[in-house]
């Protein structure tokens, strides 16, 4: 097993996740099987109870793990399915060690950060790195480890020490470190001092970088590269210049141009690995398809505008998987994607009273959009604005996609304005709502006391109830009888309301495997009005876009029929 660690210095949010994903993708083009681990130094067990406005989105895995959003990057770039154990947190490590101490596994010993915590981290990495993550079921060849946060932070110290020890545990030829740093531009001059200081701090902790990824707004100049190489004690070929590009999908191409893979192949002795010929060919095909898709996207001139009507729009990372799914779909449709952000509360009548400018600006964005997307969320704030957006899309034949909460508000809007049930709402918004007005109810088996990891989570089947002839969304899924998608919710459509809703023209075309829960709705006589209780954005891949998102973008672009004629199953299998 080869290990490539990606750490960061100077500031957080510098792009370690994209660099780690891009490195893994390039290693995969060599025919290697690649997996990834994300280390988050916070004390939370997982990301499930964190606010999206503080931490960005909570990404959900097949096994129901609620994890850091960077694991979504890994899956999208590498076409793999990770587990909750691929996200290591301080909370998980300390909980495991304390549990062992309580059981008496350390009987007679004083339990300390070194060696007990650091050993637990190393053991966890070695165990998880060997878990198969692709359909072959075979053990990976390379593991990319991203160390979250910034080297030098107090909370990351045990992990840095564990990795320092780990390089000796696995051997020099099996361990490489890429450190990502910032090269700011001040008055037109690229400054190297922050990077020099970051590398000095890293070395003082016992880790020496094999490559330095230099993030900069502009292309790194020759003298800047030479200066970093000289003062950071590396060769010029070990300095990676990562400037801002058209999209993050260009980063693998940028790294390949700088011969990153040649250096890592030599450093990790990848040439000695016995890679099957069919895997090598598959890797070459992957790179070819990636280049074709990104260059084709660069040549796209026609634009499609999607309005995301959400409640966490102040931090776009709150909807990272949604954004990426739209990007994947726009690339497939050969369209330039323009996302307009609409804070759902700004669409509500109260905002017209409090802030007319925000109200009219928000509605102008919604009315001009080619398509409307209402993503997931929790709580009552901004819900009436989402309902208003769903109503606009339904009445004006605007392509609409609702995800999780987006499905629930679409049903509530339909109950109010088509079935004329005044005050129809959700038990989430009005806990004391009567049965006659409860369009959405609490799932009976869900724990109402504990918040962490108690929702309906992970990969679950959805079975189609109608044929592809009468369902656009089933056609998009390649006329499959059922689909596997990831869930994250506590509430469901009230079963008592289903018959009346369907009789009025809104069909629940997909249900769970027991036909008890409404998973997909589709509106009759509409260009594209689809909503899903599950989160289709979680399994969208760069070369294999999520089907509901692809349908939205294609319908908004006016090319839905063309997309439906493509062999979407073959495209998925090629990735």
Protein backbone atom coordinates (compact mmCIF):
# COMPACT_ATOMS: atom_id res chain seq x y z
CA UNK A 1 0.00 0.00 0.00
CA UNK A 2 1.26 3.43 -1.01
CA UNK A 3 0.24 6.49 1.00
CA UNK A 4 0.12 10.10 -0.24
CA UNK A 5 -0.57 12.64 2.51
CA UNK A 6 -1.89 16.12 1.65
CA UNK A 7 -1.48 18.76 4.36
CA UNK A 8 -1.99 22.52 4.38
CA UNK A 9 -0.34 25.60 5.77
CA UNK A 10 -0.79 29.38 6.09
CA UNK A 11 -4.62 29.38 5.91
CA UNK A 12 -7.47 26.86 5.85
CA UNK A 13 -9.75 26.43 2.85
CA UNK A 14 -6.79 26.60 0.52
CA UNK A 15 -7.90 23.74 -1.76
CA UNK A 16 -6.37 20.63 -0.19
CA UNK A 17 -9.48 18.62 -1.02
CA UNK A 18 -9.34 19.43 -4.73
CA UNK A 19 -5.58 18.75 -4.86
CA UNK A 20 -6.02 15.44 -3.02
CA UNK A 21 -8.88 14.42 -5.35
CA UNK A 22 -6.94 15.48 -8.45
CA UNK A 23 -3.84 13.56 -7.31
CA UNK A 24 -5.94 10.45 -6.76
CA UNK A 25 -7.59 10.86 -10.16
CA UNK A 26 -4.18 11.07 -11.90
CA UNK A 27 -2.96 7.97 -10.05
CA UNK A 28 -6.12 6.22 -11.20
CA UNK A 29 -5.24 7.05 -14.82
CA UNK A 30 -2.16 4.83 -14.32
CA UNK A 31 -4.49 1.90 -13.73
CA UNK A 32 -4.11 1.96 -9.95
CA UNK A 33 -6.96 1.45 -7.50
CA UNK A 34 -7.21 4.55 -5.32
CA UNK A 35 -8.94 5.23 -2.02
CA UNK A 36 -9.04 8.30 0.24
CA UNK A 37 -9.16 9.18 3.93
CA UNK A 38 -10.03 12.58 5.41
CA UNK A 39 -8.74 13.54 8.86
CA UNK A 40 -10.77 16.22 10.67
CA UNK A 41 -9.26 17.38 13.95
CA UNK A 42 -12.55 18.52 15.52
CA UNK A 43 -14.04 16.76 18.57
CA UNK A 44 -17.39 15.99 16.93
CA UNK A 45 -17.91 12.32 16.19
CA UNK A 46 -19.13 13.28 12.71
CA UNK A 47 -20.49 16.22 10.72
CA UNK A 48 -24.15 15.30 11.25
CA UNK A 49 -25.01 17.93 13.87
CA UNK A 50 -22.94 20.81 12.44
CA UNK A 51 -24.56 23.89 10.94
CA UNK A 52 -24.11 24.09 7.14
CA UNK A 53 -23.39 27.81 7.59
CA UNK A 54 -20.40 26.99 9.81
CA UNK A 55 -18.93 23.87 8.26
CA UNK A 56 -20.43 23.59 4.79
CA UNK A 57 -22.59 20.69 3.71
CA UNK A 58 -22.81 17.40 5.52
CA UNK A 59 -22.04 14.68 2.96
CA UNK A 60 -23.79 11.30 3.33
CA UNK A 61 -22.27 7.95 2.35
CA UNK A 62 -23.76 4.59 1.35
CA UNK A 63 -23.50 3.29 4.92
CA UNK A 64 -25.26 6.35 6.33
CA UNK A 65 -22.08 8.04 7.54
CA UNK A 66 -22.49 11.82 7.89
CA UNK A 67 -19.07 13.13 6.96
CA UNK A 68 -16.97 16.06 5.78
CA UNK A 69 -17.77 17.50 2.36
CA UNK A 70 -14.29 16.62 1.04
CA UNK A 71 -15.28 12.95 0.94
CA UNK A 72 -17.78 14.03 -1.69
CA UNK A 73 -14.89 15.44 -3.75
CA UNK A 74 -13.05 12.12 -3.51
CA UNK A 75 -16.07 10.11 -4.64
CA UNK A 76 -16.87 12.47 -7.51
CA UNK A 77 -13.33 12.52 -8.89
CA UNK A 78 -12.47 8.87 -8.30
CA UNK A 79 -15.77 7.11 -8.95
CA UNK A 80 -15.57 5.27 -5.61
CA UNK A 81 -17.88 4.67 -2.63
CA UNK A 82 -16.32 5.36 0.76
CA UNK A 83 -17.43 4.41 4.28
CA UNK A 84 -17.90 6.45 7.44
CA UNK A 85 -14.57 5.09 8.70
CA UNK A 86 -12.84 6.94 5.86
CA UNK A 87 -13.54 10.14 7.80
CA UNK A 88 -11.37 10.20 10.93
CA UNK A 89 -12.20 12.76 13.62
CA UNK A 90 -10.64 13.49 16.99
CA UNK A 91 -13.97 12.50 18.52
CA UNK A 92 -13.88 9.06 16.90
CA UNK A 93 -10.26 8.38 17.90
CA UNK A 94 -10.63 9.48 21.51
CA UNK A 95 -13.94 7.61 21.87
CA UNK A 96 -12.31 4.41 20.60
CA UNK A 97 -9.31 4.76 22.93
CA UNK A 98 -11.44 5.62 25.97
CA UNK A 99 -13.74 2.67 25.24
CA UNK A 100 -10.71 0.34 25.17
CA UNK A 101 -9.45 1.85 28.42
CA UNK A 102 -12.82 1.24 30.10
CA UNK A 103 -12.78 -2.36 28.90
CA UNK A 104 -9.36 -2.82 30.48
CA UNK A 105 -7.33 -3.20 27.29
CA UNK A 106 -4.67 -0.88 28.71
CA UNK A 107 -4.79 -2.41 32.19
CA UNK A 108 -1.91 -1.17 34.34
CA UNK A 109 -0.83 1.50 31.86
CA UNK A 110 -1.18 5.26 31.88
CA UNK A 111 -3.13 6.09 28.70
CA UNK A 112 -1.45 8.97 26.87
CA UNK A 113 -1.57 10.85 23.59
CA UNK A 114 1.76 9.22 22.71
CA UNK A 115 1.73 6.30 22.11
CA UNK A 116 -1.93 5.34 22.57
CA UNK A 117 -3.74 8.05 20.57
CA UNK A 118 -1.07 8.18 17.86
CA UNK A 119 -1.03 4.37 17.56
CA UNK A 120 -4.83 4.33 17.31
CA UNK A 121 -4.65 6.84 14.45
CA UNK A 122 -2.04 4.79 12.58
CA UNK A 123 -3.95 1.54 13.11
CA UNK A 124 -7.15 3.19 11.88
CA UNK A 125 -5.44 4.45 8.71
CA UNK A 126 -3.91 1.07 7.89
CA UNK A 127 -7.19 -0.75 8.47
CA UNK A 128 -9.39 1.62 6.49
CA UNK A 129 -6.94 2.06 3.60
CA UNK A 130 -7.43 -1.61 2.71
CA UNK A 131 -11.23 -1.49 2.47
CA UNK A 132 -12.37 -2.08 -1.15
CA UNK A 133 -14.13 1.03 -2.48
CA UNK A 134 -14.90 0.19 -6.11
CA UNK A 135 -17.18 -2.44 -7.72
CA UNK A 136 -14.26 -4.88 -8.21
CA UNK A 137 -14.15 -5.57 -4.47
CA UNK A 138 -10.34 -5.55 -4.60
CA UNK A 139 -7.98 -3.86 -2.13
CA UNK A 140 -6.77 -0.40 -3.23
CA UNK A 141 -3.17 0.20 -4.30
CA UNK A 142 -2.86 3.82 -3.14
CA UNK A 143 -4.46 5.76 -0.29
CA UNK A 144 -4.70 9.55 -0.39
CA UNK A 145 -4.85 11.02 3.14
CA UNK A 146 -5.95 14.62 3.59
CA UNK A 147 -5.10 16.23 6.90
CA UNK A 148 -7.78 18.84 7.57
CA UNK A 149 -7.11 22.21 9.11
CA UNK A 150 -3.74 23.91 9.14
CA UNK A 151 -0.46 22.37 10.30
CA UNK A 152 0.47 24.08 13.56
CA UNK A 153 -3.08 24.13 14.96
CA UNK A 154 -3.25 22.70 18.50
CA UNK A 155 -6.02 20.26 17.63
CA UNK A 156 -4.11 18.73 14.71
CA UNK A 157 -0.93 18.01 16.75
CA UNK A 158 -1.74 14.33 17.56
CA UNK A 159 -2.43 13.62 13.88
CA UNK A 160 0.76 15.30 12.70
CA UNK A 161 2.74 13.26 15.22
CA UNK A 162 0.94 10.08 14.15
CA UNK A 163 1.83 10.76 10.51
CA UNK A 164 5.44 11.47 11.48
CA UNK A 165 5.60 8.03 13.06
CA UNK A 166 3.59 6.48 10.23
CA UNK A 167 6.22 7.31 7.59
CA UNK A 168 8.63 4.99 9.41
CA UNK A 169 6.00 2.32 10.02
CA UNK A 170 5.23 1.92 6.31
CA UNK A 171 8.66 2.78 4.90
CA UNK A 172 10.10 5.70 2.96
CA UNK A 173 9.20 4.26 -0.46
CA UNK A 174 5.53 3.92 0.56
CA UNK A 175 4.94 7.40 2.00
CA UNK A 176 4.90 10.78 0.23
CA UNK A 177 3.80 14.16 1.53
CA UNK A 178 2.36 17.07 -0.48
CA UNK A 179 2.06 20.32 1.46
CA UNK A 180 -0.31 22.97 0.10
CA UNK A 181 0.57 26.58 0.83
CA UNK A 182 -0.50 30.06 -0.17
CA UNK A 183 1.54 32.42 -2.33
CA UNK A 184 -0.23 35.79 -1.95
CA UNK A 185 0.17 38.57 -4.49
CA UNK A 186 0.89 41.91 -2.82
CA UNK A 187 1.15 45.00 -5.05
CA UNK A 188 1.77 42.73 -8.04
CA UNK A 189 4.55 40.73 -6.36
CA UNK A 190 4.28 37.04 -5.51
CA UNK A 191 5.33 36.61 -1.87
CA UNK A 192 7.09 33.40 -0.78
CA UNK A 193 7.63 34.13 2.93
CA UNK A 194 4.33 32.52 4.10
CA UNK A 195 5.26 29.30 2.30
CA UNK A 196 8.79 29.36 3.70
CA UNK A 197 7.39 29.77 7.24
CA UNK A 198 4.83 26.99 6.70
CA UNK A 199 7.47 24.52 5.51
CA UNK A 200 9.72 25.48 8.43
CA UNK A 201 6.87 24.72 10.86
CA UNK A 202 6.20 21.43 9.11
CA UNK A 203 9.83 20.33 9.29
CA UNK A 204 10.05 21.28 12.97
CA UNK A 205 7.28 18.71 13.55
CA UNK A 206 9.25 15.97 11.82
CA UNK A 207 7.63 15.96 8.38
CA UNK A 208 9.42 17.00 5.17
CA UNK A 209 7.35 17.66 2.04
CA UNK A 210 8.10 15.75 -1.12
CA UNK A 211 6.13 18.28 -3.12
CA UNK A 212 4.86 21.78 -2.36
CA UNK A 213 1.54 22.80 -3.90
CA UNK A 214 1.60 26.58 -4.24
CA UNK A 215 -1.85 28.17 -4.51
CA UNK A 216 -1.83 31.55 -6.21
CA UNK A 217 -4.29 33.76 -8.06
CA UNK A 218 -1.89 34.00 -10.99
CA UNK A 219 0.55 31.62 -12.65
CA UNK A 220 3.70 31.19 -10.57
CA UNK A 221 6.64 33.05 -12.07
CA UNK A 222 9.99 31.32 -12.64
CA UNK A 223 11.88 33.31 -9.99
CA UNK A 224 9.12 32.56 -7.45
CA UNK A 225 9.42 28.80 -8.09
CA UNK A 226 13.22 28.97 -7.81
CA UNK A 227 13.01 30.93 -4.57
CA UNK A 228 10.56 28.48 -2.98
CA UNK A 229 12.69 25.53 -4.10
CA UNK A 230 15.87 27.04 -2.68
CA UNK A 231 14.54 28.20 0.69
CA UNK A 232 12.28 25.15 1.21
CA UNK A 233 15.03 22.67 0.36
CA UNK A 234 13.32 20.94 -2.59
CA UNK A 235 13.98 20.68 -6.31
CA UNK A 236 12.16 23.02 -8.70
CA UNK A 237 10.28 20.01 -10.12
CA UNK A 238 8.85 19.44 -6.64
CA UNK A 239 7.13 22.84 -6.62
CA UNK A 240 3.61 22.59 -8.05
CA UNK A 241 2.20 25.87 -9.35
CA UNK A 242 -1.57 25.76 -8.85
CA UNK A 243 -3.11 29.00 -10.06
CA UNK A 244 -6.80 29.78 -10.47
CA UNK A 245 -8.27 28.03 -13.54
CA UNK A 246 -11.64 27.95 -15.34
CA UNK A 247 -12.91 25.16 -13.11
CA UNK A 248 -11.58 22.72 -10.52
CA UNK A 249 -11.85 19.97 -13.17
CA UNK A 250 -8.81 21.53 -14.85
CA UNK A 251 -6.60 20.96 -11.79
CA UNK A 252 -5.69 17.34 -12.75
CA UNK A 253 -4.63 18.58 -16.19
CA UNK A 254 -2.57 21.35 -14.60
CA UNK A 255 -0.81 18.86 -12.29
CA UNK A 256 -0.15 16.45 -15.14
CA UNK A 257 1.46 19.23 -17.22
CA UNK A 258 3.91 19.76 -14.36
CA UNK A 259 4.85 16.06 -14.38
CA UNK A 260 3.52 15.39 -10.92
CA UNK A 261 2.81 11.75 -11.73
CA UNK A 262 6.33 11.14 -13.04
CA UNK A 263 7.75 12.43 -9.77
CA UNK A 264 5.36 10.40 -7.59
CA UNK A 265 5.98 7.28 -9.71
CA UNK A 266 9.69 7.57 -9.05
CA UNK A 267 9.32 8.58 -5.42
CA UNK A 268 6.88 5.75 -4.57
CA UNK A 269 8.39 3.21 -6.99
CA UNK A 270 5.02 2.79 -8.72
CA UNK A 271 6.76 1.23 -11.72
CA UNK A 272 7.45 -1.88 -9.65
CA UNK A 273 3.74 -2.49 -9.06
CA UNK A 274 2.19 -5.19 -11.24
CA UNK A 275 -0.72 -3.30 -12.80
CA UNK A 276 -2.94 -5.47 -15.08
CA UNK A 277 -3.06 -4.40 -18.72
CA UNK A 278 -6.85 -3.97 -18.68
CA UNK A 279 -6.55 -1.54 -15.74
CA UNK A 280 -3.88 0.45 -17.57
CA UNK A 281 -6.17 0.74 -20.62
CA UNK A 282 -9.09 1.72 -18.38
CA UNK A 283 -6.93 4.43 -16.80
CA UNK A 284 -5.93 5.79 -20.19
CA UNK A 285 -9.59 5.89 -21.24
CA UNK A 286 -10.49 7.71 -18.03
CA UNK A 287 -7.96 10.46 -18.73
CA UNK A 288 -9.06 10.73 -22.35
CA UNK A 289 -12.73 11.13 -21.32
CA UNK A 290 -11.79 13.65 -18.64
CA UNK A 291 -9.83 15.81 -21.10
CA UNK A 292 -12.62 15.62 -23.69
CA UNK A 293 -15.24 16.67 -21.18
CA UNK A 294 -13.29 19.61 -19.76
CA UNK A 295 -12.11 20.95 -23.13
CA UNK A 296 -15.59 20.55 -24.61
CA UNK A 297 -16.97 22.51 -21.66
CA UNK A 298 -14.47 25.30 -22.35
CA UNK A 299 -15.88 25.57 -25.87
CA UNK A 300 -19.49 25.82 -24.67
CA UNK A 301 -21.10 29.19 -25.28
CA UNK A 302 -24.81 28.58 -24.68
CA UNK A 303 -25.81 29.40 -21.13
CA UNK A 304 -28.31 27.82 -18.76
CA UNK A 305 -29.40 29.63 -15.59
CA UNK A 306 -30.51 27.69 -12.53
CA UNK A 307 -31.92 29.46 -9.46
CA UNK A 308 -31.04 27.70 -6.20
CA UNK A 309 -33.72 28.75 -3.72
CA UNK A 310 -32.28 27.82 -0.34
CA UNK A 311 -31.84 28.92 3.24
CA UNK A 312 -28.04 28.61 3.61
CA UNK A 313 -27.06 30.69 0.58
CA UNK A 314 -24.66 32.88 2.57
CA UNK A 315 -22.18 29.99 2.42
CA UNK A 316 -22.21 28.29 -0.97
CA UNK A 317 -20.31 25.29 0.39
CA UNK A 318 -23.54 24.45 2.24
CA UNK A 319 -24.73 23.17 -1.13
CA UNK A 320 -21.43 21.91 -2.53
CA UNK A 321 -22.75 18.57 -3.85
CA UNK A 322 -25.74 20.36 -5.40
CA UNK A 323 -23.40 22.78 -7.18
CA UNK A 324 -21.16 19.97 -8.41
CA UNK A 325 -24.15 17.94 -9.64
CA UNK A 326 -25.34 20.93 -11.65
CA UNK A 327 -21.82 21.37 -13.04
CA UNK A 328 -21.59 17.70 -14.05
CA UNK A 329 -24.96 17.95 -15.78
CA UNK A 330 -24.11 21.21 -17.55
CA UNK A 331 -20.89 19.65 -18.87
CA UNK A 332 -22.88 16.70 -20.23
CA UNK A 333 -25.35 19.13 -21.84
CA UNK A 334 -22.54 21.30 -23.26
CA UNK A 335 -23.85 24.38 -21.48
CA UNK A 336 -22.24 27.16 -19.49
CA UNK A 337 -23.83 26.98 -16.07
CA UNK A 338 -24.90 30.13 -14.29
CA UNK A 339 -26.17 29.64 -10.75
CA UNK A 340 -28.20 32.45 -9.22
CA UNK A 341 -28.51 32.32 -5.45
CA UNK A 342 -31.86 33.18 -3.94
CA UNK A 343 -32.29 33.36 -0.17
CA UNK A 344 -35.72 31.75 0.20
CA UNK A 345 -36.81 34.12 2.98
CA UNK A 346 -36.45 37.04 0.53
CA UNK A 347 -39.37 35.63 -1.53
CA UNK A 348 -41.79 35.89 1.39
CA UNK A 349 -44.41 38.65 1.78
CA UNK A 350 -42.87 39.81 5.06
CA UNK A 351 -39.66 40.71 3.22
CA UNK A 352 -41.66 42.95 0.88
CA UNK A 353 -42.70 44.88 3.98
CA UNK A 354 -39.26 44.88 5.65
CA UNK A 355 -36.97 45.16 2.62
CA UNK A 356 -38.64 45.78 -0.74
CA UNK A 357 -35.32 45.85 -2.62
CA UNK A 358 -34.39 42.31 -1.50
CA UNK A 359 -37.91 41.05 -2.22
CA UNK A 360 -38.09 42.36 -5.79
CA UNK A 361 -34.47 41.41 -6.54
CA UNK A 362 -35.08 37.82 -5.38
CA UNK A 363 -38.25 37.46 -7.44
CA UNK A 364 -36.55 38.93 -10.49
CA UNK A 365 -33.88 36.21 -10.26
CA UNK A 366 -36.50 33.46 -9.90
CA UNK A 367 -38.62 34.75 -12.77
CA UNK A 368 -35.67 35.01 -15.16
CA UNK A 369 -34.16 31.59 -14.36
CA UNK A 370 -34.34 28.75 -16.88
CA UNK A 371 -34.82 26.25 -14.03
CA UNK A 372 -35.51 26.26 -10.29
CA UNK A 373 -33.95 24.02 -7.69
CA UNK A 374 -35.07 23.81 -4.05
CA UNK A 375 -32.48 21.81 -2.05
CA UNK A 376 -32.62 20.18 1.36
CA UNK A 377 -32.67 21.96 4.69
CA UNK A 378 -34.01 21.95 8.23
CA UNK A 379 -36.23 24.26 10.28
CA UNK A 380 -38.93 26.79 9.50
CA UNK A 381 -36.93 29.80 8.28
CA UNK A 382 -37.50 30.58 4.61
CA UNK A 383 -39.90 27.72 3.99
CA UNK A 384 -42.74 29.93 2.73
CA UNK A 385 -40.34 31.36 0.16
CA UNK A 386 -39.53 27.85 -1.07
CA UNK A 387 -43.25 27.09 -1.34
CA UNK A 388 -43.70 30.26 -3.39
CA UNK A 389 -40.85 29.24 -5.72
CA UNK A 390 -42.40 25.79 -6.24
CA UNK A 391 -45.74 27.45 -7.03
CA UNK A 392 -44.11 29.72 -9.61
CA UNK A 393 -42.40 26.77 -11.31
CA UNK A 394 -45.60 24.69 -11.35
CA UNK A 395 -47.88 27.40 -12.69
CA UNK A 396 -45.45 28.79 -15.27
CA UNK A 397 -44.07 25.50 -16.66
CA UNK A 398 -40.54 26.25 -15.42
CA UNK A 399 -38.36 23.13 -14.96
CA UNK A 400 -38.22 22.32 -11.24
CA UNK A 401 -36.22 19.94 -9.10
CA UNK A 402 -36.92 19.55 -5.39
CA UNK A 403 -34.54 17.63 -3.14
CA UNK A 404 -35.67 16.30 0.26
CA UNK A 405 -37.23 19.46 1.75
CA UNK A 406 -37.74 20.53 -1.88
CA UNK A 407 -40.10 17.57 -2.34
CA UNK A 408 -41.97 18.32 0.86
CA UNK A 409 -42.57 22.00 0.03
CA UNK A 410 -43.75 21.03 -3.47
CA UNK A 411 -46.37 18.75 -1.89
CA UNK A 412 -47.42 21.41 0.64
CA UNK A 413 -47.81 23.97 -2.18
CA UNK A 414 -49.90 21.49 -4.18
CA UNK A 415 -52.15 20.77 -1.19
CA UNK A 416 -52.73 24.47 -0.57
CA UNK A 417 -53.26 25.71 -4.11
CA UNK A 418 -54.63 22.72 -6.04
CA UNK A 419 -56.47 20.71 -3.38
CA UNK A 420 -57.42 23.94 -1.57
CA UNK A 421 -56.40 22.74 1.90
CA UNK A 422 -55.81 26.05 3.66
CA UNK A 423 -52.99 25.92 6.17
CA UNK A 424 -51.51 22.67 4.83
CA UNK A 425 -48.02 22.33 6.26
CA UNK A 426 -45.45 19.99 7.80
CA UNK A 427 -45.17 18.66 11.34
CA UNK A 428 -41.60 19.99 11.21
CA UNK A 429 -42.85 23.56 10.89
CA UNK A 430 -46.02 23.25 13.01
CA UNK A 431 -45.63 20.35 15.48
CA UNK A 432 -49.26 20.65 16.64
CA UNK A 433 -50.71 20.50 13.08
CA UNK A 434 -53.89 18.45 12.69
CA UNK A 435 -54.01 15.26 10.62
CA UNK A 436 -56.20 16.94 7.96
CA UNK A 437 -53.56 19.60 7.27
CA UNK A 438 -50.37 17.60 7.79
CA UNK A 439 -48.91 17.08 4.34
CA UNK A 440 -45.62 15.99 5.88
CA UNK A 441 -45.27 13.97 9.10
CA UNK A 442 -42.53 12.67 11.39
CA UNK A 443 -41.41 9.15 10.49
CA UNK A 444 -42.60 6.95 13.38
CA UNK A 445 -39.35 5.03 13.91
CA UNK A 446 -37.12 8.12 14.20
CA UNK A 447 -35.60 9.05 17.59
CA UNK A 448 -36.98 12.46 18.58
CA UNK A 449 -34.52 12.99 21.45
CA UNK A 450 -31.05 12.22 20.05
CA UNK A 451 -29.98 14.26 17.02
CA UNK A 452 -26.72 12.66 15.90
CA UNK A 453 -27.00 9.83 13.39
CA UNK A 454 -30.71 9.20 14.03
CA UNK A 455 -32.23 10.18 10.69
CA UNK A 456 -33.11 7.85 7.85
CA UNK A 457 -29.62 7.68 6.40
CA UNK A 458 -27.63 6.01 3.66
CA UNK A 459 -28.19 4.01 0.48
CA UNK A 460 -31.73 2.66 0.07
CA UNK A 461 -33.78 1.34 -2.85
CA UNK A 462 -36.54 3.29 -4.60
CA UNK A 463 -38.91 1.28 -6.79
CA UNK A 464 -40.69 2.81 -9.77
CA UNK A 465 -44.48 2.54 -9.76
CA UNK A 466 -45.05 3.48 -13.41
CA UNK A 467 -43.53 2.60 -16.77
CA UNK A 468 -40.90 4.69 -18.56
CA UNK A 469 -43.56 5.63 -21.13
CA UNK A 470 -45.32 7.79 -18.56
CA UNK A 471 -42.31 8.93 -16.49
CA UNK A 472 -39.48 11.20 -17.58
CA UNK A 473 -37.46 10.49 -14.45
CA UNK A 474 -37.63 6.72 -15.04
CA UNK A 475 -36.39 7.28 -18.60
CA UNK A 476 -33.48 9.29 -17.22
CA UNK A 477 -32.59 6.36 -14.99
CA UNK A 478 -32.38 4.15 -18.09
CA UNK A 479 -35.78 2.47 -17.54
CA UNK A 480 -34.50 0.71 -14.40
CA UNK A 481 -37.11 -0.96 -12.20
CA UNK A 482 -35.47 0.50 -9.11
CA UNK A 483 -32.60 2.81 -8.14
CA UNK A 484 -30.28 3.05 -5.17
CA UNK A 485 -29.88 6.56 -3.75
CA UNK A 486 -28.74 8.09 -0.47
CA UNK A 487 -31.16 9.48 2.10
CA UNK A 488 -31.00 11.97 4.95
CA UNK A 489 -34.36 12.93 6.45
CA UNK A 490 -36.66 12.65 9.47
CA UNK A 491 -39.98 13.52 7.83
CA UNK A 492 -42.06 11.91 5.09
CA UNK A 493 -45.15 12.64 3.02
CA UNK A 494 -48.31 11.84 4.97
CA UNK A 495 -49.55 8.47 3.58
CA UNK A 496 -53.13 9.53 4.25
CA UNK A 497 -52.80 12.35 1.71
CA UNK A 498 -51.28 10.34 -1.14
CA UNK A 499 -54.45 9.21 -2.92
CA UNK A 500 -55.96 12.70 -3.05
CA UNK A 501 -52.67 14.19 -4.29
CA UNK A 502 -52.31 11.61 -7.08
CA UNK A 503 -55.95 12.01 -8.17
CA UNK A 504 -55.21 15.71 -8.67
CA UNK A 505 -52.27 15.07 -11.04
CA UNK A 506 -49.14 14.88 -8.90
CA UNK A 507 -47.88 11.29 -9.13
CA UNK A 508 -45.56 9.51 -6.70
CA UNK A 509 -43.73 7.54 -9.36
CA UNK A 510 -41.14 6.12 -6.95
CA UNK A 511 -41.68 4.54 -3.53
CA UNK A 512 -39.53 2.61 -1.07
CA UNK A 513 -39.23 -1.17 -1.34
CA UNK A 514 -42.26 -1.62 0.96
CA UNK A 515 -44.37 0.92 -0.97
CA UNK A 516 -44.85 2.86 2.27
CA UNK A 517 -42.78 5.99 1.64
CA UNK A 518 -43.06 8.47 -1.21
CA UNK A 519 -39.60 8.84 -2.76
CA UNK A 520 -40.11 10.51 -6.18
CA UNK A 521 -42.90 12.78 -7.37
CA UNK A 522 -43.60 13.91 -10.90
CA UNK A 523 -46.23 16.35 -12.12
CA UNK A 524 -48.51 15.58 -15.02
CA UNK A 525 -48.53 17.95 -18.04
CA UNK A 526 -45.37 19.82 -17.12
CA UNK A 527 -42.03 20.09 -19.02
CA UNK A 528 -40.09 18.87 -15.98
CA UNK A 529 -41.40 18.96 -12.43
CA UNK A 530 -39.63 16.33 -10.37
CA UNK A 531 -38.78 16.03 -6.69
CA UNK A 532 -37.01 13.34 -4.68
CA UNK A 533 -37.07 12.55 -0.97
CA UNK A 534 -33.51 11.24 -1.28
CA UNK A 535 -30.45 13.33 -2.12
CA UNK A 536 -29.38 12.46 -5.70
CA UNK A 537 -26.50 14.95 -5.51
CA UNK A 538 -24.56 12.62 -3.21
CA UNK A 539 -23.76 10.07 -5.92
CA UNK A 540 -23.24 12.38 -8.89
CA UNK A 541 -19.85 11.89 -10.58
CA UNK A 542 -17.88 14.12 -12.95
CA UNK A 543 -18.31 11.68 -15.85
CA UNK A 544 -21.64 10.27 -14.66
CA UNK A 545 -24.06 13.04 -13.62
CA UNK A 546 -26.98 12.52 -11.26
CA UNK A 547 -30.08 11.70 -13.30
CA UNK A 548 -32.56 14.12 -11.64
CA UNK A 549 -30.02 16.96 -11.93
CA UNK A 550 -29.28 16.05 -15.53
CA UNK A 551 -33.01 16.16 -16.25
CA UNK A 552 -33.35 19.61 -14.70
CA UNK A 553 -30.41 21.10 -16.61
CA UNK A 554 -31.43 19.42 -19.88
CA UNK A 555 -35.04 20.62 -19.55
CA UNK A 556 -33.87 24.13 -18.63
CA UNK A 557 -31.61 24.05 -21.72
CA UNK A 558 -34.42 22.85 -23.97
CA UNK A 559 -32.63 19.60 -24.89
CA UNK A 560 -34.30 17.04 -22.60
CA UNK A 561 -35.44 14.85 -25.51
CA UNK A 562 -31.90 14.76 -26.92
CA UNK A 563 -30.49 13.64 -23.56
CA UNK A 564 -33.17 10.96 -23.20
CA UNK A 565 -32.03 9.45 -26.50
CA UNK A 566 -28.47 8.93 -25.21
CA UNK A 567 -27.29 5.64 -23.74
CA UNK A 568 -26.93 6.91 -20.16
CA UNK A 569 -26.28 3.44 -18.72
CA UNK A 570 -23.26 2.97 -20.97
CA UNK A 571 -21.85 6.34 -19.92
CA UNK A 572 -22.19 5.33 -16.28
CA UNK A 573 -20.47 1.98 -16.85
CA UNK A 574 -17.57 3.64 -18.68
CA UNK A 575 -16.71 5.54 -15.50
